[in-house]
Amino acid sequence: MLVAGVAAVLAFSLPLASAARITDGTVWPASQTTGARSAPAVAFPLTTAPAHPRPSQSPSASSLLVRITHAFSMRAHPGHGRVVGTLPAGSKYYGTPTVAWVQHVSRDGRFGELAVPYSAAGTMGWIPLRGLQRRSTFLQVDVDLSRHRVVLERRGQVLFGTRAAIGSPSSPTPTGRYFVTDRVPFPSGGALGTYAFGISGIQPNLPAGWSGGNQLAIHGTNDPSSIGRSVSAGCVRVPAAALRRLIPLLRLGTPVVIHP
C-alpha cells in the first residue's frame, strides 16, 4: 500500500525520470508531473481535447484526462442530483495534483463522469468540465487478476506484459477502473521496490494489524519470489525490469483497469 512517510520527503525532492518525454500524447508540463502538496495555479496553454470523446469501449479510442485545480462535489447526474463523492485536488497521502480519467462526457459536453476516487463502493459521479485543462491518452494499464498479469496497452495494442503479485485471498486486490495519482521514487529500495504508482483506489479489506495505509498502488518489490502469486495486502507488485519500463510511460491520470 502507498502511504506518506520518510519516503515522501524523498519523493518531493527528486526529479522524475523522463518527465517531459513520452510517446502517447500526454506530455504535461513538469509542474504537473512531479509530486506536490497542492495544485498550482493554471498558468500555461494546453490543447483542448474533443468535447465529445468516444467512450473507451473501442480499443483504439483515446481517454480524456482533466487537470483538477480544486475539489469538486461529484453528483449522481450531470449538473444535478445528490452528491455521491468528492474529487480532490490532491492525492490521498502525497498531495500530488490530481489528473483524473473522465470515462464519459455528457451529450452537451459540459460534464464528465468518472469513478469516485478513494472509495470502495465503485460509485460513478459527474463533475463540470468548464475551465478544466484537458489532454487525451491512448495508454491504459490492464490488470488481469486471474492470470496474475499486468499489460500496458496503447490504442488497444499490447506494448508489453508482465507477471505480477496480487492481493492474498484474505485481502484480494479490489477490481475497478482507476487512474494514476502518484509517481513516487524510492531510491534506496525496500518493500515497494524502487518506485510506486499510486492509483485512485483503496483496499477495504486490510490484513489484521496493518498500519501501512490503504491506497492501492502498482509498485516493485524486494521479494521477487512473490511475483505470480496472491500474497500482497492488495497492491499489485511487478518485477524490477517491468518497473523500469513503466516509469517513463505511466503519467498522472493514466487509466488502470483491474478485473477478475
Protein backbone atom coordinates (compact mmCIF):
# COMPACT_ATOMS: atom_id res chain seq x y z
CA MET A 1 0.00 0.00 0.00
CA LEU A 2 1.08 3.57 -0.63
CA VAL A 3 1.43 5.80 2.41
CA ALA A 4 3.32 9.01 3.14
CA GLY A 5 6.32 8.90 5.42
CA VAL A 6 10.06 9.42 5.24
CA ALA A 7 9.94 8.38 1.60
CA ALA A 8 7.54 11.22 0.88
CA VAL A 9 10.30 13.74 1.55
CA LEU A 10 12.50 11.94 -0.96
CA ALA A 11 9.68 11.85 -3.47
CA PHE A 12 9.25 15.60 -3.40
CA SER A 13 12.96 16.38 -3.65
CA LEU A 14 13.95 14.08 -6.52
CA PRO A 15 13.25 14.67 -10.23
CA LEU A 16 11.23 12.03 -12.06
CA ALA A 17 12.78 10.16 -14.96
CA SER A 18 11.80 11.33 -18.46
CA ALA A 19 9.16 13.69 -17.06
CA ALA A 20 8.73 15.54 -20.33
CA ARG A 21 9.49 12.76 -22.84
CA ILE A 22 6.74 10.28 -23.53
CA THR A 23 5.18 8.93 -26.68
CA ASP A 24 1.44 8.70 -26.02
CA GLY A 25 0.47 12.36 -26.49
CA THR A 26 0.09 13.20 -22.79
CA VAL A 27 3.10 15.41 -22.11
CA TRP A 28 2.17 17.65 -19.19
CA PRO A 29 4.47 20.47 -18.08
CA ALA A 30 6.93 19.42 -15.37
CA SER A 31 4.93 21.17 -12.66
CA GLN A 32 2.12 18.73 -13.32
CA THR A 33 4.09 15.51 -13.43
CA THR A 34 6.06 15.71 -10.23
CA GLY A 35 4.68 15.27 -6.74
CA ALA A 36 3.43 18.39 -4.99
CA ARG A 37 1.44 19.14 -1.90
CA SER A 38 -1.10 21.40 -3.57
CA ALA A 39 -2.33 22.08 -7.09
CA PRO A 40 -0.53 25.07 -8.63
CA ALA A 41 -2.44 27.80 -10.37
CA VAL A 42 -3.11 27.33 -14.07
CA ALA A 43 -0.56 29.38 -15.97
CA PHE A 44 0.07 27.73 -19.32
CA PRO A 45 -1.88 26.95 -22.51
CA LEU A 46 -2.98 23.40 -23.27
CA THR A 47 -4.62 21.83 -26.27
CA THR A 48 -8.27 21.12 -25.58
CA ALA A 49 -9.46 17.56 -26.05
CA PRO A 50 -12.58 16.92 -28.15
CA ALA A 51 -15.80 17.96 -26.41
CA HIS A 52 -17.32 14.53 -27.05
CA PRO A 53 -14.55 11.94 -26.78
CA ARG A 54 -15.65 8.43 -27.61
CA PRO A 55 -16.36 6.14 -24.65
CA SER A 56 -13.48 3.76 -24.03
CA GLN A 57 -15.33 0.69 -25.32
CA SER A 58 -13.34 0.98 -28.56
CA PRO A 59 -9.79 -0.32 -28.05
CA SER A 60 -8.35 2.46 -30.23
CA ALA A 61 -10.28 5.28 -28.54
CA SER A 62 -8.40 7.87 -26.53
CA SER A 63 -9.16 8.53 -22.88
CA LEU A 64 -9.87 12.04 -21.65
CA LEU A 65 -7.74 13.35 -18.77
CA VAL A 66 -8.56 16.55 -16.89
CA ARG A 67 -6.41 18.62 -14.56
CA ILE A 68 -8.20 19.24 -11.23
CA THR A 69 -7.33 22.57 -9.58
CA HIS A 70 -9.87 22.50 -6.76
CA ALA A 71 -12.06 19.90 -5.06
CA PHE A 72 -15.35 19.01 -6.75
CA SER A 73 -18.52 17.55 -5.33
CA MET A 74 -19.41 14.65 -7.60
CA ARG A 75 -23.10 14.29 -8.39
CA ALA A 76 -25.32 11.41 -9.43
CA HIS A 77 -26.37 13.14 -12.66
CA PRO A 78 -24.78 15.75 -14.95
CA GLY A 79 -25.18 19.08 -13.14
CA HIS A 80 -27.69 17.87 -10.55
CA GLY A 81 -28.66 15.08 -8.20
CA ARG A 82 -27.29 14.00 -4.85
CA VAL A 83 -23.62 14.25 -4.01
CA VAL A 84 -22.03 10.80 -4.33
CA GLY A 85 -18.43 11.69 -3.52
CA THR A 86 -15.60 14.20 -3.74
CA LEU A 87 -12.90 14.60 -6.36
CA PRO A 88 -9.93 16.16 -4.50
CA ALA A 89 -7.35 18.48 -6.00
CA GLY A 90 -4.54 16.41 -4.49
CA SER A 91 -3.82 12.74 -3.90
CA LYS A 92 -4.65 10.92 -0.68
CA TYR A 93 -1.25 10.84 1.02
CA TYR A 94 1.17 12.90 -1.07
CA GLY A 95 -0.99 15.79 -2.22
CA THR A 96 0.11 15.25 -5.83
CA PRO A 97 -2.02 17.45 -8.14
CA THR A 98 -4.91 15.37 -9.45
CA VAL A 99 -5.15 14.47 -13.12
CA ALA A 100 -8.35 12.46 -13.45
CA TRP A 101 -9.61 9.99 -16.05
CA VAL A 102 -13.03 11.02 -17.36
CA GLN A 103 -14.83 7.93 -18.63
CA HIS A 104 -17.88 9.56 -20.20
CA VAL A 105 -18.88 13.07 -21.28
CA SER A 106 -22.46 14.39 -21.26
CA ARG A 107 -24.15 14.98 -24.61
CA ASP A 108 -23.75 18.75 -24.26
CA GLY A 109 -20.05 18.38 -23.41
CA ARG A 110 -20.41 20.24 -20.12
CA PHE A 111 -19.98 17.40 -17.63
CA GLY A 112 -17.74 14.39 -17.21
CA GLU A 113 -18.37 11.11 -15.41
CA LEU A 114 -15.67 9.24 -13.52
CA ALA A 115 -15.27 6.76 -10.69
CA VAL A 116 -15.30 8.32 -7.22
CA PRO A 117 -11.65 8.16 -6.11
CA TYR A 118 -10.52 6.55 -2.86
CA SER A 119 -13.84 4.78 -2.44
CA ALA A 120 -14.53 1.07 -2.26
CA ALA A 121 -18.12 1.43 -3.42
CA GLY A 122 -17.40 1.59 -7.15
CA THR A 123 -19.67 4.63 -7.46
CA MET A 124 -19.60 6.89 -10.51
CA GLY A 125 -20.15 10.65 -10.31
CA TRP A 126 -20.29 13.71 -12.54
CA ILE A 127 -18.27 16.95 -12.41
CA PRO A 128 -18.44 20.13 -14.53
CA LEU A 129 -15.72 20.29 -17.19
CA ARG A 130 -15.80 24.01 -17.90
CA GLY A 131 -12.41 25.63 -17.42
CA LEU A 132 -10.54 22.38 -16.83
CA GLN A 133 -7.40 21.72 -18.81
CA ARG A 134 -7.74 18.59 -20.92
CA ARG A 135 -5.50 16.02 -22.52
CA SER A 136 -6.06 12.65 -24.09
CA THR A 137 -4.04 9.46 -23.81
CA PHE A 138 -4.03 6.20 -25.71
CA LEU A 139 -2.30 4.34 -22.88
CA GLN A 140 -4.10 2.03 -20.46
CA VAL A 141 -2.94 -0.46 -17.85
CA ASP A 142 -4.88 -3.73 -17.74
CA VAL A 143 -4.53 -5.88 -14.60
CA ASP A 144 -5.87 -9.42 -15.04
CA LEU A 145 -6.17 -10.90 -11.55
CA SER A 146 -6.98 -14.42 -12.70
CA ARG A 147 -3.77 -14.54 -14.73
CA HIS A 148 -1.59 -12.56 -12.31
CA ARG A 149 -0.70 -10.37 -15.25
CA VAL A 150 -0.24 -6.66 -15.94
CA VAL A 151 -0.40 -5.44 -19.54
CA LEU A 152 0.32 -1.94 -20.84
CA GLU A 153 -1.67 -1.12 -23.96
CA ARG A 154 -1.60 1.74 -26.46
CA ARG A 155 -4.51 2.10 -28.88
CA GLY A 156 -5.61 -1.38 -27.86
CA GLN A 157 -2.27 -2.91 -28.83
CA VAL A 158 -0.07 -4.57 -26.22
CA LEU A 159 3.21 -2.72 -25.59
CA PHE A 160 4.37 -5.28 -23.06
CA GLY A 161 3.10 -7.54 -20.32
CA THR A 162 4.49 -8.93 -17.10
CA ARG A 163 3.66 -11.39 -14.35
CA ALA A 164 2.57 -9.75 -11.12
CA ALA A 165 1.78 -10.44 -7.49
CA ILE A 166 -1.72 -9.52 -6.33
CA GLY A 167 -3.74 -9.49 -3.13
CA SER A 168 -3.97 -12.58 -0.96
CA PRO A 169 -7.27 -14.48 -0.56
CA SER A 170 -7.95 -12.60 2.70
CA SER A 171 -7.07 -9.18 1.22
CA PRO A 172 -7.86 -9.52 -2.51
CA THR A 173 -6.98 -6.73 -4.90
CA PRO A 174 -10.19 -4.70 -5.47
CA THR A 175 -11.44 -4.61 -9.05
CA GLY A 176 -12.36 -1.29 -10.61
CA ARG A 177 -11.48 1.49 -13.02
CA TYR A 178 -8.80 3.74 -11.55
CA PHE A 179 -6.21 6.29 -12.64
CA VAL A 180 -2.63 7.02 -11.64
CA THR A 181 -2.48 9.58 -8.81
CA ASP A 182 1.15 9.48 -7.68
CA ARG A 183 4.62 8.74 -9.04
CA VAL A 184 6.89 8.06 -6.07
CA PRO A 185 10.56 7.04 -6.33
CA PHE A 186 12.24 5.05 -3.54
CA PRO A 187 15.94 5.32 -4.41
CA SER A 188 17.02 3.04 -1.58
CA GLY A 189 14.52 0.34 -2.48
CA GLY A 190 12.53 -1.65 0.07
CA ALA A 191 9.21 -3.46 0.26
CA LEU A 192 7.83 -1.27 -2.57
CA GLY A 193 10.90 -1.72 -4.74
CA THR A 194 12.38 1.43 -6.21
CA TYR A 195 9.16 3.04 -7.47
CA ALA A 196 5.43 3.14 -6.81
CA PHE A 197 2.48 4.37 -8.87
CA GLY A 198 -0.35 5.30 -6.54
CA ILE A 199 -3.79 4.77 -8.06
CA SER A 200 -7.21 6.13 -7.12
CA GLY A 201 -8.46 3.03 -5.29
CA ILE A 202 -8.35 1.79 -1.72
CA GLN A 203 -8.24 -1.58 0.00
CA PRO A 204 -11.31 -2.08 2.25
CA ASN A 205 -10.07 -5.48 3.49
CA LEU A 206 -6.71 -4.78 5.09
CA PRO A 207 -4.87 -7.56 6.90
CA ALA A 208 -5.22 -7.61 10.68
CA GLY A 209 -2.73 -5.24 12.30
CA TRP A 210 -1.89 -3.49 9.03
CA SER A 211 -0.62 0.08 9.51
CA GLY A 212 0.74 0.91 6.06
CA GLY A 213 -2.16 2.94 4.65
CA ASN A 214 -4.98 1.77 2.38
CA GLN A 215 -4.29 3.36 -1.00
CA LEU A 216 -3.75 0.90 -3.83
CA ALA A 217 -0.60 1.06 -5.92
CA ILE A 218 1.39 -0.66 -8.62
CA HIS A 219 4.93 -0.97 -7.32
CA GLY A 220 8.09 -3.01 -7.23
CA THR A 221 9.17 -5.48 -4.57
CA ASN A 222 12.19 -6.71 -2.64
CA ASP A 223 10.78 -10.24 -2.83
CA PRO A 224 11.00 -11.40 -6.45
CA SER A 225 9.68 -14.84 -5.45
CA SER A 226 6.28 -13.27 -4.76
CA ILE A 227 5.72 -12.40 -8.43
CA GLY A 228 2.94 -14.52 -9.91
CA ARG A 229 1.38 -15.27 -6.52
CA SER A 230 -1.57 -13.97 -4.46
CA VAL A 231 0.33 -12.69 -1.44
CA SER A 232 0.03 -8.90 -1.10
CA ALA A 233 -2.23 -6.73 1.03
CA GLY A 234 -3.98 -5.67 -2.16
CA CYS A 235 -1.39 -3.79 -4.19
CA VAL A 236 -0.01 -5.05 -7.49
CA ARG A 237 3.69 -5.91 -7.45
CA VAL A 238 5.75 -6.09 -10.64
CA PRO A 239 9.37 -7.12 -11.30
CA ALA A 240 12.14 -4.52 -11.40
CA ALA A 241 12.56 -4.87 -15.17
CA ALA A 242 8.85 -4.11 -15.76
CA LEU A 243 9.00 -1.20 -13.33
CA ARG A 244 11.81 0.38 -15.33
CA ARG A 245 9.68 0.20 -18.48
CA LEU A 246 6.64 1.71 -16.76
CA ILE A 247 8.39 4.70 -15.17
CA PRO A 248 8.72 6.85 -18.33
CA LEU A 249 5.22 5.93 -19.57
CA LEU A 250 2.72 5.99 -16.72
CA ARG A 251 1.88 9.65 -16.25
CA LEU A 252 -0.60 11.10 -13.80
CA GLY A 253 -4.13 10.23 -14.92
CA THR A 254 -3.22 7.11 -16.89
CA PRO A 255 -6.23 4.71 -16.79
CA VAL A 256 -5.78 1.49 -14.80
CA VAL A 257 -8.42 -1.22 -15.18
CA ILE A 258 -8.33 -4.09 -12.67
CA HIS A 259 -10.61 -7.03 -13.44
CA PRO A 260 -11.11 -10.65 -12.26
